[in-house]
């Protein structure tokens, strides 16, 4: 089933201050130099990002990095101090949320407990005074899409957390937005349910081909659901890349540390030596620290932590450097002597990648 998007007859009138975007960049969503200060502190600092039509981009970062503030500026709940929000080639920076071609799924779902699932989903259409026949048809269509048609007459308190989340998603999709915004959409679900629901969201997003921006601090969600991930730190985007590229080729020390696990060592660490180098930091992924009983740099095992499908092994090199290795299969025991061989090592100076 396809829900039509970007109905030109439903577009709001342009704001007097709106400017037309470059037609070469008219698809999807574009953020140009967004800047926002709150309480005298810079929250988002000169942030620019292009999300292609049909792409899902995740804003990933720690609490306080500015990702939710960015999402709220896209939605229209906050107006940037500087910069522009452009959707489908149209500047919507000064439009209120209800006049923007976007819809948000909130972290707490924001469902009306006294309304049925169908009435919750229909609520934005009724606010827009759409005809009853159109409302009923669109609500049934979107509830079928999210597999909730059988719960249309249930109230939120009588359905599961995952079903509540899909109700909130249906309420956003029924508006047929050009841009779907997801604010920590899985944070209220338990671990197993999160995996299933994130697969549901991704499948629906791809089926509709809807441009989507999602905020999360959970790197597993970001890596599993996104076409690209924008890693934010201190109000800025440090790197925007496909998940595999982000993990295997981080451009900054922050990205290397925040996405996945990494061993960081002061100085220049090579497969055979460790040399002092003021201001230089070496970084190596645990899976690139290989343990071999017959060769490599001599080390002693100091800790062994099973994780099910792999074992985390901490070793101390004879020159005093501690490293963590991920071992599949048989693992050594504490106090065993092993040899350490290093795969790819990255080098950073003042937070930036260097060769």
C-alpha atoms as a PDB file:
ATOM      1  CA  UNK A   1       0.000   0.000   0.000  1.00  0.00           C
ATOM      2  CA  UNK A   2       1.250   3.476  -0.853  1.00  0.00           C
ATOM      3  CA  UNK A   3       0.184   6.623   0.983  1.00  0.00           C
ATOM      4  CA  UNK A   4       0.464   9.617  -1.382  1.00  0.00           C
ATOM      5  CA  UNK A   5       2.858  12.279  -0.199  1.00  0.00           C
ATOM      6  CA  UNK A   6       3.335  15.977  -0.954  1.00  0.00           C
ATOM      7  CA  UNK A   7      -0.204  16.722  -2.100  1.00  0.00           C
ATOM      8  CA  UNK A   8       0.232  20.157  -3.786  1.00  0.00           C
ATOM      9  CA  UNK A   9      -3.383  21.093  -3.044  1.00  0.00           C
ATOM     10  CA  UNK A  10      -2.644  20.875   0.698  1.00  0.00           C
ATOM     11  CA  UNK A  11       0.397  23.162   0.670  1.00  0.00           C
ATOM     12  CA  UNK A  12       0.281  26.193   2.938  1.00  0.00           C
ATOM     13  CA  UNK A  13       0.628  29.696   1.523  1.00  0.00           C
ATOM     14  CA  UNK A  14       4.246  30.919   1.454  1.00  0.00           C
ATOM     15  CA  UNK A  15       5.438  33.150   4.280  1.00  0.00           C
ATOM     16  CA  UNK A  16       6.188  36.745   3.198  1.00  0.00           C
ATOM     17  CA  UNK A  17       9.832  36.314   4.234  1.00  0.00           C
ATOM     18  CA  UNK A  18      10.288  32.926   2.572  1.00  0.00           C
ATOM     19  CA  UNK A  19      12.947  32.541  -0.102  1.00  0.00           C
ATOM     20  CA  UNK A  20      12.993  29.959  -2.837  1.00  0.00           C
ATOM     21  CA  UNK A  21      15.622  27.250  -2.602  1.00  0.00           C
ATOM     22  CA  UNK A  22      18.080  26.361  -5.303  1.00  0.00           C
ATOM     23  CA  UNK A  23      16.102  24.098  -7.680  1.00  0.00           C
ATOM     24  CA  UNK A  24      19.139  21.806  -7.894  1.00  0.00           C
ATOM     25  CA  UNK A  25      18.628  21.088  -4.170  1.00  0.00           C
ATOM     26  CA  UNK A  26      14.837  21.009  -4.235  1.00  0.00           C
ATOM     27  CA  UNK A  27      14.354  17.445  -3.037  1.00  0.00           C
ATOM     28  CA  UNK A  28      14.060  16.255   0.537  1.00  0.00           C
ATOM     29  CA  UNK A  29      15.132  18.426   3.469  1.00  0.00           C
ATOM     30  CA  UNK A  30      17.909  20.995   3.709  1.00  0.00           C
ATOM     31  CA  UNK A  31      19.187  22.721   6.844  1.00  0.00           C
ATOM     32  CA  UNK A  32      21.352  25.753   6.125  1.00  0.00           C
ATOM     33  CA  UNK A  33      23.486  27.182   8.920  1.00  0.00           C
ATOM     34  CA  UNK A  34      21.022  26.635  11.777  1.00  0.00           C
ATOM     35  CA  UNK A  35      22.005  28.431  14.970  1.00  0.00           C
ATOM     36  CA  UNK A  36      20.118  28.479  18.255  1.00  0.00           C
ATOM     37  CA  UNK A  37      20.890  29.888  21.689  1.00  0.00           C
ATOM     38  CA  UNK A  38      18.828  29.067  24.763  1.00  0.00           C
ATOM     39  CA  UNK A  39      19.418  30.548  28.219  1.00  0.00           C
ATOM     40  CA  UNK A  40      22.490  32.384  26.985  1.00  0.00           C
ATOM     41  CA  UNK A  41      24.127  29.160  25.796  1.00  0.00           C
ATOM     42  CA  UNK A  42      24.722  28.047  22.220  1.00  0.00           C
ATOM     43  CA  UNK A  43      22.802  24.799  21.666  1.00  0.00           C
ATOM     44  CA  UNK A  44      23.077  24.433  17.886  1.00  0.00           C
ATOM     45  CA  UNK A  45      25.980  26.094  16.102  1.00  0.00           C
ATOM     46  CA  UNK A  46      25.971  26.725  12.320  1.00  0.00           C
ATOM     47  CA  UNK A  47      24.493  23.317  11.481  1.00  0.00           C
ATOM     48  CA  UNK A  48      23.975  22.366   7.827  1.00  0.00           C
ATOM     49  CA  UNK A  49      22.615  19.064   6.527  1.00  0.00           C
ATOM     50  CA  UNK A  50      20.968  17.782   3.346  1.00  0.00           C
ATOM     51  CA  UNK A  51      18.610  14.799   3.614  1.00  0.00           C
ATOM     52  CA  UNK A  52      17.734  13.402   0.199  1.00  0.00           C
ATOM     53  CA  UNK A  53      14.167  12.561  -0.716  1.00  0.00           C
ATOM     54  CA  UNK A  54      13.274   9.139   0.703  1.00  0.00           C
ATOM     55  CA  UNK A  55      16.389   8.980   2.892  1.00  0.00           C
ATOM     56  CA  UNK A  56      16.415   8.211   6.626  1.00  0.00           C
ATOM     57  CA  UNK A  57      19.082  10.193   8.458  1.00  0.00           C
ATOM     58  CA  UNK A  58      19.654   9.808  12.180  1.00  0.00           C
ATOM     59  CA  UNK A  59      20.936  12.577  14.443  1.00  0.00           C
ATOM     60  CA  UNK A  60      23.085  10.659  16.911  1.00  0.00           C
ATOM     61  CA  UNK A  61      24.852  12.057  19.923  1.00  0.00           C
ATOM     62  CA  UNK A  62      25.021  12.301  23.711  1.00  0.00           C
ATOM     63  CA  UNK A  63      22.483  14.161  25.824  1.00  0.00           C
ATOM     64  CA  UNK A  64      22.827  17.916  25.460  1.00  0.00           C
ATOM     65  CA  UNK A  65      24.523  17.841  22.054  1.00  0.00           C
ATOM     66  CA  UNK A  66      21.683  19.733  20.314  1.00  0.00           C
ATOM     67  CA  UNK A  67      19.996  16.953  18.372  1.00  0.00           C
ATOM     68  CA  UNK A  68      16.491  17.407  19.851  1.00  0.00           C
ATOM     69  CA  UNK A  69      16.748  21.187  19.483  1.00  0.00           C
ATOM     70  CA  UNK A  70      17.597  20.633  15.812  1.00  0.00           C
ATOM     71  CA  UNK A  71      14.582  18.371  15.378  1.00  0.00           C
ATOM     72  CA  UNK A  72      12.318  20.944  17.028  1.00  0.00           C
ATOM     73  CA  UNK A  73      13.575  23.615  14.643  1.00  0.00           C
ATOM     74  CA  UNK A  74      12.784  21.350  11.688  1.00  0.00           C
ATOM     75  CA  UNK A  75       9.288  20.773  13.107  1.00  0.00           C
ATOM     76  CA  UNK A  76       8.667  24.468  13.804  1.00  0.00           C
ATOM     77  CA  UNK A  77       8.409  24.266  17.601  1.00  0.00           C
ATOM     78  CA  UNK A  78      11.532  26.443  17.824  1.00  0.00           C
ATOM     79  CA  UNK A  79      12.602  29.154  15.396  1.00  0.00           C
ATOM     80  CA  UNK A  80      16.344  29.353  14.674  1.00  0.00           C
ATOM     81  CA  UNK A  81      18.221  32.531  15.531  1.00  0.00           C
ATOM     82  CA  UNK A  82      19.921  32.175  12.162  1.00  0.00           C
ATOM     83  CA  UNK A  83      19.727  29.794   9.220  1.00  0.00           C
ATOM     84  CA  UNK A  84      16.982  28.175   7.179  1.00  0.00           C
ATOM     85  CA  UNK A  85      14.847  25.032   7.037  1.00  0.00           C
ATOM     86  CA  UNK A  86      13.959  24.088   3.447  1.00  0.00           C
ATOM     87  CA  UNK A  87      11.525  21.269   2.612  1.00  0.00           C
ATOM     88  CA  UNK A  88      11.011  20.117  -0.978  1.00  0.00           C
ATOM     89  CA  UNK A  89      12.652  23.305  -2.233  1.00  0.00           C
ATOM     90  CA  UNK A  90      10.530  25.634  -0.093  1.00  0.00           C
ATOM     91  CA  UNK A  91      11.752  27.754   2.827  1.00  0.00           C
ATOM     92  CA  UNK A  92       9.537  26.943   5.840  1.00  0.00           C
ATOM     93  CA  UNK A  93      11.752  28.543   8.501  1.00  0.00           C
ATOM     94  CA  UNK A  94       9.111  31.000   9.691  1.00  0.00           C
ATOM     95  CA  UNK A  95       6.042  28.767   9.382  1.00  0.00           C
ATOM     96  CA  UNK A  96       4.341  27.345  12.506  1.00  0.00           C
ATOM     97  CA  UNK A  97       4.257  23.545  12.916  1.00  0.00           C
ATOM     98  CA  UNK A  98       0.695  23.150  11.632  1.00  0.00           C
ATOM     99  CA  UNK A  99       1.582  24.836   8.341  1.00  0.00           C
ATOM    100  CA  UNK A 100       4.714  22.802   7.667  1.00  0.00           C
ATOM    101  CA  UNK A 101       4.736  19.686   5.456  1.00  0.00           C
ATOM    102  CA  UNK A 102       6.206  17.652   8.327  1.00  0.00           C
ATOM    103  CA  UNK A 103       4.866  15.491  11.163  1.00  0.00           C
ATOM    104  CA  UNK A 104       6.525  14.360  14.379  1.00  0.00           C
ATOM    105  CA  UNK A 105       6.329  11.192  16.457  1.00  0.00           C
ATOM    106  CA  UNK A 106       7.023  12.314  20.022  1.00  0.00           C
ATOM    107  CA  UNK A 107       9.123  10.414  22.541  1.00  0.00           C
ATOM    108  CA  UNK A 108       6.165   9.869  24.897  1.00  0.00           C
ATOM    109  CA  UNK A 109       3.717   9.243  21.968  1.00  0.00           C
ATOM    110  CA  UNK A 110       1.316  11.978  23.294  1.00  0.00           C
ATOM    111  CA  UNK A 111      -1.801   9.849  22.741  1.00  0.00           C
ATOM    112  CA  UNK A 112      -5.183  10.890  24.148  1.00  0.00           C
ATOM    113  CA  UNK A 113      -6.085   8.156  26.681  1.00  0.00           C
ATOM    114  CA  UNK A 114      -9.860   8.723  26.376  1.00  0.00           C
ATOM    115  CA  UNK A 115      -9.850   8.377  22.576  1.00  0.00           C
ATOM    116  CA  UNK A 116      -9.760   5.169  20.573  1.00  0.00           C
ATOM    117  CA  UNK A 117      -6.795   4.351  18.357  1.00  0.00           C
ATOM    118  CA  UNK A 118      -8.784   5.460  15.293  1.00  0.00           C
ATOM    119  CA  UNK A 119      -9.779   8.769  16.894  1.00  0.00           C
ATOM    120  CA  UNK A 120      -6.185   9.464  17.964  1.00  0.00           C
ATOM    121  CA  UNK A 121      -5.002   8.887  14.418  1.00  0.00           C
ATOM    122  CA  UNK A 122      -7.845  10.981  12.976  1.00  0.00           C
ATOM    123  CA  UNK A 123      -7.232  13.924  15.316  1.00  0.00           C
ATOM    124  CA  UNK A 124      -4.928  16.018  13.061  1.00  0.00           C
ATOM    125  CA  UNK A 125      -7.248  15.506  10.078  1.00  0.00           C
ATOM    126  CA  UNK A 126     -10.246  16.694  12.083  1.00  0.00           C
ATOM    127  CA  UNK A 127      -8.289  19.748  13.213  1.00  0.00           C
ATOM    128  CA  UNK A 128      -7.645  20.435   9.531  1.00  0.00           C
ATOM    129  CA  UNK A 129     -11.417  20.072   8.922  1.00  0.00           C
ATOM    130  CA  UNK A 130     -11.049  17.360   6.307  1.00  0.00           C
ATOM    131  CA  UNK A 131     -14.297  15.721   5.145  1.00  0.00           C
ATOM    132  CA  UNK A 132     -15.483  12.795   7.276  1.00  0.00           C
ATOM    133  CA  UNK A 133     -15.349  10.330   4.378  1.00  0.00           C
ATOM    134  CA  UNK A 134     -11.764  11.307   3.636  1.00  0.00           C
ATOM    135  CA  UNK A 135     -10.820  11.043   7.332  1.00  0.00           C
ATOM    136  CA  UNK A 136     -12.283   7.547   7.660  1.00  0.00           C
ATOM    137  CA  UNK A 137     -10.626   6.328   4.460  1.00  0.00           C
ATOM    138  CA  UNK A 138      -7.191   7.714   5.349  1.00  0.00           C
ATOM    139  CA  UNK A 139      -7.341   6.439   8.939  1.00  0.00           C
ATOM    140  CA  UNK A 140      -8.261   2.904   7.849  1.00  0.00           C
ATOM    141  CA  UNK A 141      -5.542   2.964   5.198  1.00  0.00           C
ATOM    142  CA  UNK A 142      -2.779   4.009   7.574  1.00  0.00           C
ATOM    143  CA  UNK A 143      -3.924   1.645  10.351  1.00  0.00           C
ATOM    144  CA  UNK A 144      -3.706  -1.199   7.868  1.00  0.00           C
ATOM    145  CA  UNK A 145      -0.219  -0.037   6.939  1.00  0.00           C
ATOM    146  CA  UNK A 146       0.972  -0.243  10.567  1.00  0.00           C
ATOM    147  CA  UNK A 147      -1.011  -3.443  11.215  1.00  0.00           C
ATOM    148  CA  UNK A 148      -3.408  -1.906  13.750  1.00  0.00           C
ATOM    149  CA  UNK A 149      -6.725  -2.042  11.937  1.00  0.00           C
ATOM    150  CA  UNK A 150      -7.938  -4.693  14.399  1.00  0.00           C
ATOM    151  CA  UNK A 151      -7.290  -2.238  17.264  1.00  0.00           C
ATOM    152  CA  UNK A 152      -9.030   0.785  15.758  1.00  0.00           C
ATOM    153  CA  UNK A 153     -11.691   0.798  18.515  1.00  0.00           C
ATOM    154  CA  UNK A 154      -9.262   0.102  21.385  1.00  0.00           C
ATOM    155  CA  UNK A 155      -8.025   2.791  23.730  1.00  0.00           C
ATOM    156  CA  UNK A 156      -4.244   3.337  24.211  1.00  0.00           C
ATOM    157  CA  UNK A 157      -4.317   1.898  27.731  1.00  0.00           C
ATOM    158  CA  UNK A 158      -5.544  -1.443  26.406  1.00  0.00           C
ATOM    159  CA  UNK A 159      -2.790  -2.005  23.831  1.00  0.00           C
ATOM    160  CA  UNK A 160       0.929  -2.766  24.205  1.00  0.00           C
ATOM    161  CA  UNK A 161       3.754  -0.258  24.215  1.00  0.00           C
ATOM    162  CA  UNK A 162       4.775  -1.271  20.709  1.00  0.00           C
ATOM    163  CA  UNK A 163       1.196  -0.823  19.493  1.00  0.00           C
ATOM    164  CA  UNK A 164       1.047   2.602  21.138  1.00  0.00           C
ATOM    165  CA  UNK A 165       4.218   3.525  19.297  1.00  0.00           C
ATOM    166  CA  UNK A 166       2.717   2.387  15.986  1.00  0.00           C
ATOM    167  CA  UNK A 167      -0.438   4.404  16.770  1.00  0.00           C
ATOM    168  CA  UNK A 168       1.702   7.520  17.171  1.00  0.00           C
ATOM    169  CA  UNK A 169       3.475   6.670  13.907  1.00  0.00           C
ATOM    170  CA  UNK A 170       0.113   6.223  12.154  1.00  0.00           C
ATOM    171  CA  UNK A 171      -1.063   9.622  13.444  1.00  0.00           C
ATOM    172  CA  UNK A 172       1.992  11.215  11.841  1.00  0.00           C
ATOM    173  CA  UNK A 173       1.705   9.292   8.573  1.00  0.00           C
ATOM    174  CA  UNK A 174      -2.017   9.999   8.141  1.00  0.00           C
ATOM    175  CA  UNK A 175      -1.061  13.657   7.572  1.00  0.00           C
ATOM    176  CA  UNK A 176       0.876  12.565   4.465  1.00  0.00           C
ATOM    177  CA  UNK A 177       3.922  14.667   5.378  1.00  0.00           C
ATOM    178  CA  UNK A 178       6.858  15.388   3.126  1.00  0.00           C
ATOM    179  CA  UNK A 179       9.173  14.894   6.115  1.00  0.00           C
ATOM    180  CA  UNK A 180       8.676  12.471   9.025  1.00  0.00           C
ATOM    181  CA  UNK A 181      10.379  13.391  12.321  1.00  0.00           C
ATOM    182  CA  UNK A 182      11.046  10.775  15.007  1.00  0.00           C
ATOM    183  CA  UNK A 183      12.124  11.892  18.492  1.00  0.00           C
ATOM    184  CA  UNK A 184      13.680   8.943  20.382  1.00  0.00           C
ATOM    185  CA  UNK A 185      10.814   6.766  19.085  1.00  0.00           C
ATOM    186  CA  UNK A 186      11.887   3.553  20.826  1.00  0.00           C
ATOM    187  CA  UNK A 187      13.066   4.832  24.201  1.00  0.00           C
ATOM    188  CA  UNK A 188       9.953   3.661  26.099  1.00  0.00           C
ATOM    189  CA  UNK A 189      10.143   0.049  24.876  1.00  0.00           C
ATOM    190  CA  UNK A 190      11.976  -2.918  26.368  1.00  0.00           C
ATOM    191  CA  UNK A 191      15.062  -4.259  24.617  1.00  0.00           C
ATOM    192  CA  UNK A 192      13.449  -7.083  22.610  1.00  0.00           C
ATOM    193  CA  UNK A 193      10.479  -4.986  21.552  1.00  0.00           C
ATOM    194  CA  UNK A 194      12.779  -2.168  20.445  1.00  0.00           C
ATOM    195  CA  UNK A 195      14.430  -4.443  17.903  1.00  0.00           C
ATOM    196  CA  UNK A 196      11.113  -5.558  16.437  1.00  0.00           C
ATOM    197  CA  UNK A 197       9.570  -2.083  16.316  1.00  0.00           C
ATOM    198  CA  UNK A 198      12.654  -0.478  14.775  1.00  0.00           C
ATOM    199  CA  UNK A 199      12.426  -3.069  11.982  1.00  0.00           C
ATOM    200  CA  UNK A 200       8.745  -2.184  11.530  1.00  0.00           C
ATOM    201  CA  UNK A 201       9.499   1.551  11.323  1.00  0.00           C
ATOM    202  CA  UNK A 202      12.315   1.040   8.835  1.00  0.00           C
ATOM    203  CA  UNK A 203      10.200  -1.243   6.642  1.00  0.00           C
ATOM    204  CA  UNK A 204       7.309   1.254   6.568  1.00  0.00           C
ATOM    205  CA  UNK A 205       9.650   4.182   5.902  1.00  0.00           C
ATOM    206  CA  UNK A 206      11.252   2.380   2.975  1.00  0.00           C
ATOM    207  CA  UNK A 207       7.918   1.212   1.597  1.00  0.00           C
ATOM    208  CA  UNK A 208       6.572   4.775   1.572  1.00  0.00           C
ATOM    209  CA  UNK A 209       9.862   6.328   0.493  1.00  0.00           C
ATOM    210  CA  UNK A 210       9.324   9.147   2.978  1.00  0.00           C
ATOM    211  CA  UNK A 211      12.135  11.544   3.906  1.00  0.00           C
ATOM    212  CA  UNK A 212      12.834  10.926   7.599  1.00  0.00           C
ATOM    213  CA  UNK A 213      14.956  12.436  10.362  1.00  0.00           C
ATOM    214  CA  UNK A 214      15.291  10.482  13.606  1.00  0.00           C
ATOM    215  CA  UNK A 215      16.906  11.550  16.880  1.00  0.00           C
ATOM    216  CA  UNK A 216      18.506   8.999  19.190  1.00  0.00           C
ATOM    217  CA  UNK A 217      21.396   8.580  21.604  1.00  0.00           C
ATOM    218  CA  UNK A 218      21.389   4.806  20.948  1.00  0.00           C
ATOM    219  CA  UNK A 219      24.049   3.923  18.404  1.00  0.00           C
ATOM    220  CA  UNK A 220      22.574   0.465  17.746  1.00  0.00           C
ATOM    221  CA  UNK A 221      19.290   2.064  16.614  1.00  0.00           C
ATOM    222  CA  UNK A 222      21.098   4.605  14.484  1.00  0.00           C
ATOM    223  CA  UNK A 223      23.316   2.025  12.795  1.00  0.00           C
ATOM    224  CA  UNK A 224      20.468  -0.444  12.182  1.00  0.00           C
ATOM    225  CA  UNK A 225      17.857   1.971  10.835  1.00  0.00           C
ATOM    226  CA  UNK A 226      19.658   4.737   8.949  1.00  0.00           C
ATOM    227  CA  UNK A 227      20.845   5.326   5.424  1.00  0.00           C
ATOM    228  CA  UNK A 228      23.250   7.843   6.929  1.00  0.00           C
ATOM    229  CA  UNK A 229      24.096   8.915  10.475  1.00  0.00           C
ATOM    230  CA  UNK A 230      24.945  12.485  11.495  1.00  0.00           C
ATOM    231  CA  UNK A 231      27.016  12.373  14.686  1.00  0.00           C
ATOM    232  CA  UNK A 232      26.523  15.523  16.753  1.00  0.00           C
ATOM    233  CA  UNK A 233      28.757  16.931  19.477  1.00  0.00           C
ATOM    234  CA  UNK A 234      28.442  20.266  21.255  1.00  0.00           C
ATOM    235  CA  UNK A 235      25.896  21.658  18.792  1.00  0.00           C
ATOM    236  CA  UNK A 236      27.761  20.703  15.619  1.00  0.00           C
ATOM    237  CA  UNK A 237      27.803  17.776  13.227  1.00  0.00           C
ATOM    238  CA  UNK A 238      31.173  16.031  13.391  1.00  0.00           C
ATOM    239  CA  UNK A 239      30.555  13.524  10.583  1.00  0.00           C
ATOM    240  CA  UNK A 240      27.740  12.398   8.284  1.00  0.00           C
ATOM    241  CA  UNK A 241      28.282   8.960   6.765  1.00  0.00           C
ATOM    242  CA  UNK A 242      26.670   5.620   6.050  1.00  0.00           C
ATOM    243  CA  UNK A 243      26.750   3.413   9.181  1.00  0.00           C
ATOM    244  CA  UNK A 244      29.515   1.115   7.914  1.00  0.00           C
ATOM    245  CA  UNK A 245      31.692   4.053   6.847  1.00  0.00           C
ATOM    246  CA  UNK A 246      31.108   5.836  10.146  1.00  0.00           C
ATOM    247  CA  UNK A 247      32.356   2.825  12.109  1.00  0.00           C
ATOM    248  CA  UNK A 248      35.290   1.887   9.896  1.00  0.00           C
ATOM    249  CA  UNK A 249      36.512   5.360   8.941  1.00  0.00           C
ATOM    250  CA  UNK A 250      35.833   7.938  11.702  1.00  0.00           C
ATOM    251  CA  UNK A 251      37.117  11.403  10.875  1.00  0.00           C
ATOM    252  CA  UNK A 252      37.355  12.690  14.448  1.00  0.00           C
ATOM    253  CA  UNK A 253      38.395  11.295  17.802  1.00  0.00           C
ATOM    254  CA  UNK A 254      34.903  11.934  19.171  1.00  0.00           C
ATOM    255  CA  UNK A 255      33.245   9.864  16.430  1.00  0.00           C
ATOM    256  CA  UNK A 256      35.724   7.018  16.931  1.00  0.00           C
ATOM    257  CA  UNK A 257      34.941   6.996  20.659  1.00  0.00           C
ATOM    258  CA  UNK A 258      31.172   7.494  20.492  1.00  0.00           C
ATOM    259  CA  UNK A 259      30.395   4.991  17.731  1.00  0.00           C
ATOM    260  CA  UNK A 260      31.420   1.555  18.949  1.00  0.00           C
ATOM    261  CA  UNK A 261      34.260   0.795  21.331  1.00  0.00           C
ATOM    262  CA  UNK A 262      37.856   1.871  20.832  1.00  0.00           C
ATOM    263  CA  UNK A 263      41.197   1.595  22.614  1.00  0.00           C
ATOM    264  CA  UNK A 264      42.876   5.002  22.964  1.00  0.00           C
ATOM    265  CA  UNK A 265      46.569   5.292  23.772  1.00  0.00           C
ATOM    266  CA  UNK A 266      48.625   8.503  24.175  1.00  0.00           C
ATOM    267  CA  UNK A 267      51.415   8.638  21.599  1.00  0.00           C
ATOM    268  CA  UNK A 268      51.991   6.778  18.326  1.00  0.00           C
ATOM    269  CA  UNK A 269      51.112   3.100  18.654  1.00  0.00           C
ATOM    270  CA  UNK A 270      52.309   0.885  15.815  1.00  0.00           C
ATOM    271  CA  UNK A 271      52.207  -2.903  15.394  1.00  0.00           C
ATOM    272  CA  UNK A 272      55.658  -3.110  16.969  1.00  0.00           C
ATOM    273  CA  UNK A 273      56.347   0.074  18.958  1.00  0.00           C
ATOM    274  CA  UNK A 274      54.857   2.824  21.096  1.00  0.00           C
ATOM    275  CA  UNK A 275      56.599   6.168  20.723  1.00  0.00           C
ATOM    276  CA  UNK A 276      55.989   9.400  22.604  1.00  0.00           C
ATOM    277  CA  UNK A 277      54.355  12.083  20.479  1.00  0.00           C
ATOM    278  CA  UNK A 278      52.948  15.057  22.376  1.00  0.00           C
ATOM    279  CA  UNK A 279      49.355  15.722  21.457  1.00  0.00           C
ATOM    280  CA  UNK A 280      48.921  12.573  19.364  1.00  0.00           C
ATOM    281  CA  UNK A 281      46.393   9.894  20.315  1.00  0.00           C
ATOM    282  CA  UNK A 282      46.302   6.413  18.789  1.00  0.00           C
ATOM    283  CA  UNK A 283      43.037   4.513  18.496  1.00  0.00           C
ATOM    284  CA  UNK A 284      42.329   0.903  17.557  1.00  0.00           C
ATOM    285  CA  UNK A 285      39.074  -1.061  17.569  1.00  0.00           C
ATOM    286  CA  UNK A 286      38.972  -4.118  19.906  1.00  0.00           C
ATOM    287  CA  UNK A 287      38.387  -6.447  16.963  1.00  0.00           C
ATOM    288  CA  UNK A 288      41.650  -5.140  15.465  1.00  0.00           C
ATOM    289  CA  UNK A 289      43.539  -6.264  18.577  1.00  0.00           C
ATOM    290  CA  UNK A 290      44.245  -9.903  17.778  1.00  0.00           C
ATOM    291  CA  UNK A 291      45.589 -12.379  20.339  1.00  0.00           C
ATOM    292  CA  UNK A 292      48.011 -15.101  19.315  1.00  0.00           C
ATOM    293  CA  UNK A 293      49.734 -17.541  21.660  1.00  0.00           C
ATOM    294  CA  UNK A 294      52.663 -18.006  19.277  1.00  0.00           C
ATOM    295  CA  UNK A 295      53.562 -14.508  18.090  1.00  0.00           C
ATOM    296  CA  UNK A 296      53.117 -10.774  18.419  1.00  0.00           C
ATOM    297  CA  UNK A 297      53.976  -8.354  21.203  1.00  0.00           C
ATOM    298  CA  UNK A 298      54.121 -10.092  24.609  1.00  0.00           C
ATOM    299  CA  UNK A 299      51.267  -9.319  27.008  1.00  0.00           C
ATOM    300  CA  UNK A 300      49.431 -10.690  30.047  1.00  0.00           C
ATOM    301  CA  UNK A 301      45.665 -11.234  30.251  1.00  0.00           C
ATOM    302  CA  UNK A 302      44.231  -9.133  33.097  1.00  0.00           C
ATOM    303  CA  UNK A 303      40.472  -9.549  32.652  1.00  0.00           C
ATOM    304  CA  UNK A 304      38.067 -11.828  30.773  1.00  0.00           C
ATOM    305  CA  UNK A 305      34.381 -10.845  30.332  1.00  0.00           C
ATOM    306  CA  UNK A 306      32.000 -13.139  28.403  1.00  0.00           C
ATOM    307  CA  UNK A 307      29.374 -11.419  26.202  1.00  0.00           C
ATOM    308  CA  UNK A 308      27.657 -14.430  24.668  1.00  0.00           C
ATOM    309  CA  UNK A 309      28.787 -14.462  21.041  1.00  0.00           C
ATOM    310  CA  UNK A 310      32.187 -12.934  21.882  1.00  0.00           C
ATOM    311  CA  UNK A 311      34.508 -12.504  24.857  1.00  0.00           C
ATOM    312  CA  UNK A 312      36.039  -9.204  25.923  1.00  0.00           C
ATOM    313  CA  UNK A 313      39.664  -9.762  26.921  1.00  0.00           C
ATOM    314  CA  UNK A 314      41.792  -7.042  28.511  1.00  0.00           C
ATOM    315  CA  UNK A 315      45.542  -7.426  28.135  1.00  0.00           C
ATOM    316  CA  UNK A 316      48.524  -5.463  29.417  1.00  0.00           C
ATOM    317  CA  UNK A 317      51.505  -5.166  27.074  1.00  0.00           C
ATOM    318  CA  UNK A 318      54.909  -5.525  28.665  1.00  0.00           C
ATOM    319  CA  UNK A 319      55.562  -1.789  28.090  1.00  0.00           C
ATOM    320  CA  UNK A 320      52.522  -0.980  30.241  1.00  0.00           C
ATOM    321  CA  UNK A 321      49.833  -0.310  27.622  1.00  0.00           C
ATOM    322  CA  UNK A 322      46.379  -1.785  28.350  1.00  0.00           C
ATOM    323  CA  UNK A 323      44.215  -2.893  25.419  1.00  0.00           C
ATOM    324  CA  UNK A 324      40.842  -4.594  25.005  1.00  0.00           C
ATOM    325  CA  UNK A 325      40.350  -7.357  22.448  1.00  0.00           C
ATOM    326  CA  UNK A 326      37.137  -9.005  21.240  1.00  0.00           C
ATOM    327  CA  UNK A 327      37.665 -12.746  20.891  1.00  0.00           C
ATOM    328  CA  UNK A 328      35.310 -15.205  19.206  1.00  0.00           C
ATOM    329  CA  UNK A 329      35.712 -18.882  19.963  1.00  0.00           C
ATOM    330  CA  UNK A 330      38.056 -20.109  22.703  1.00  0.00           C
ATOM    331  CA  UNK A 331      39.346 -17.299  24.920  1.00  0.00           C
ATOM    332  CA  UNK A 332      42.419 -17.164  27.177  1.00  0.00           C
ATOM    333  CA  UNK A 333      42.200 -16.976  30.951  1.00  0.00           C
ATOM    334  CA  UNK A 334      43.377 -14.349  33.412  1.00  0.00           C
ATOM    335  CA  UNK A 335      47.198 -14.337  33.828  1.00  0.00           C
ATOM    336  CA  UNK A 336      47.755 -16.228  30.570  1.00  0.00           C
ATOM    337  CA  UNK A 337      50.639 -14.943  28.438  1.00  0.00           C
ATOM    338  CA  UNK A 338      49.611 -14.038  24.897  1.00  0.00           C
ATOM    339  CA  UNK A 339      50.995 -12.273  21.861  1.00  0.00           C
ATOM    340  CA  UNK A 340      49.232  -9.154  20.564  1.00  0.00           C
ATOM    341  CA  UNK A 341      48.995  -8.242  16.898  1.00  0.00           C
ATOM    342  CA  UNK A 342      47.418  -4.956  15.806  1.00  0.00           C
ATOM    343  CA  UNK A 343      45.324  -4.310  12.741  1.00  0.00           C
ATOM    344  CA  UNK A 344      44.409  -0.796  11.595  1.00  0.00           C
ATOM    345  CA  UNK A 345      45.410   2.006  13.967  1.00  0.00           C
ATOM    346  CA  UNK A 346      44.072   5.563  13.621  1.00  0.00           C
ATOM    347  CA  UNK A 347      45.881   8.707  14.785  1.00  0.00           C
ATOM    348  CA  UNK A 348      44.254  11.906  16.046  1.00  0.00           C
ATOM    349  CA  UNK A 349      45.701  15.289  16.903  1.00  0.00           C
ATOM    350  CA  UNK A 350      43.520  17.925  18.590  1.00  0.00           C
ATOM    351  CA  UNK A 351      40.528  15.676  17.899  1.00  0.00           C
ATOM    352  CA  UNK A 352      41.081  15.482  14.124  1.00  0.00           C
ATOM    353  CA  UNK A 353      42.264  12.446  12.152  1.00  0.00           C
ATOM    354  CA  UNK A 354      45.819  12.589  10.843  1.00  0.00           C
ATOM    355  CA  UNK A 355      47.915  10.120   8.881  1.00  0.00           C
END
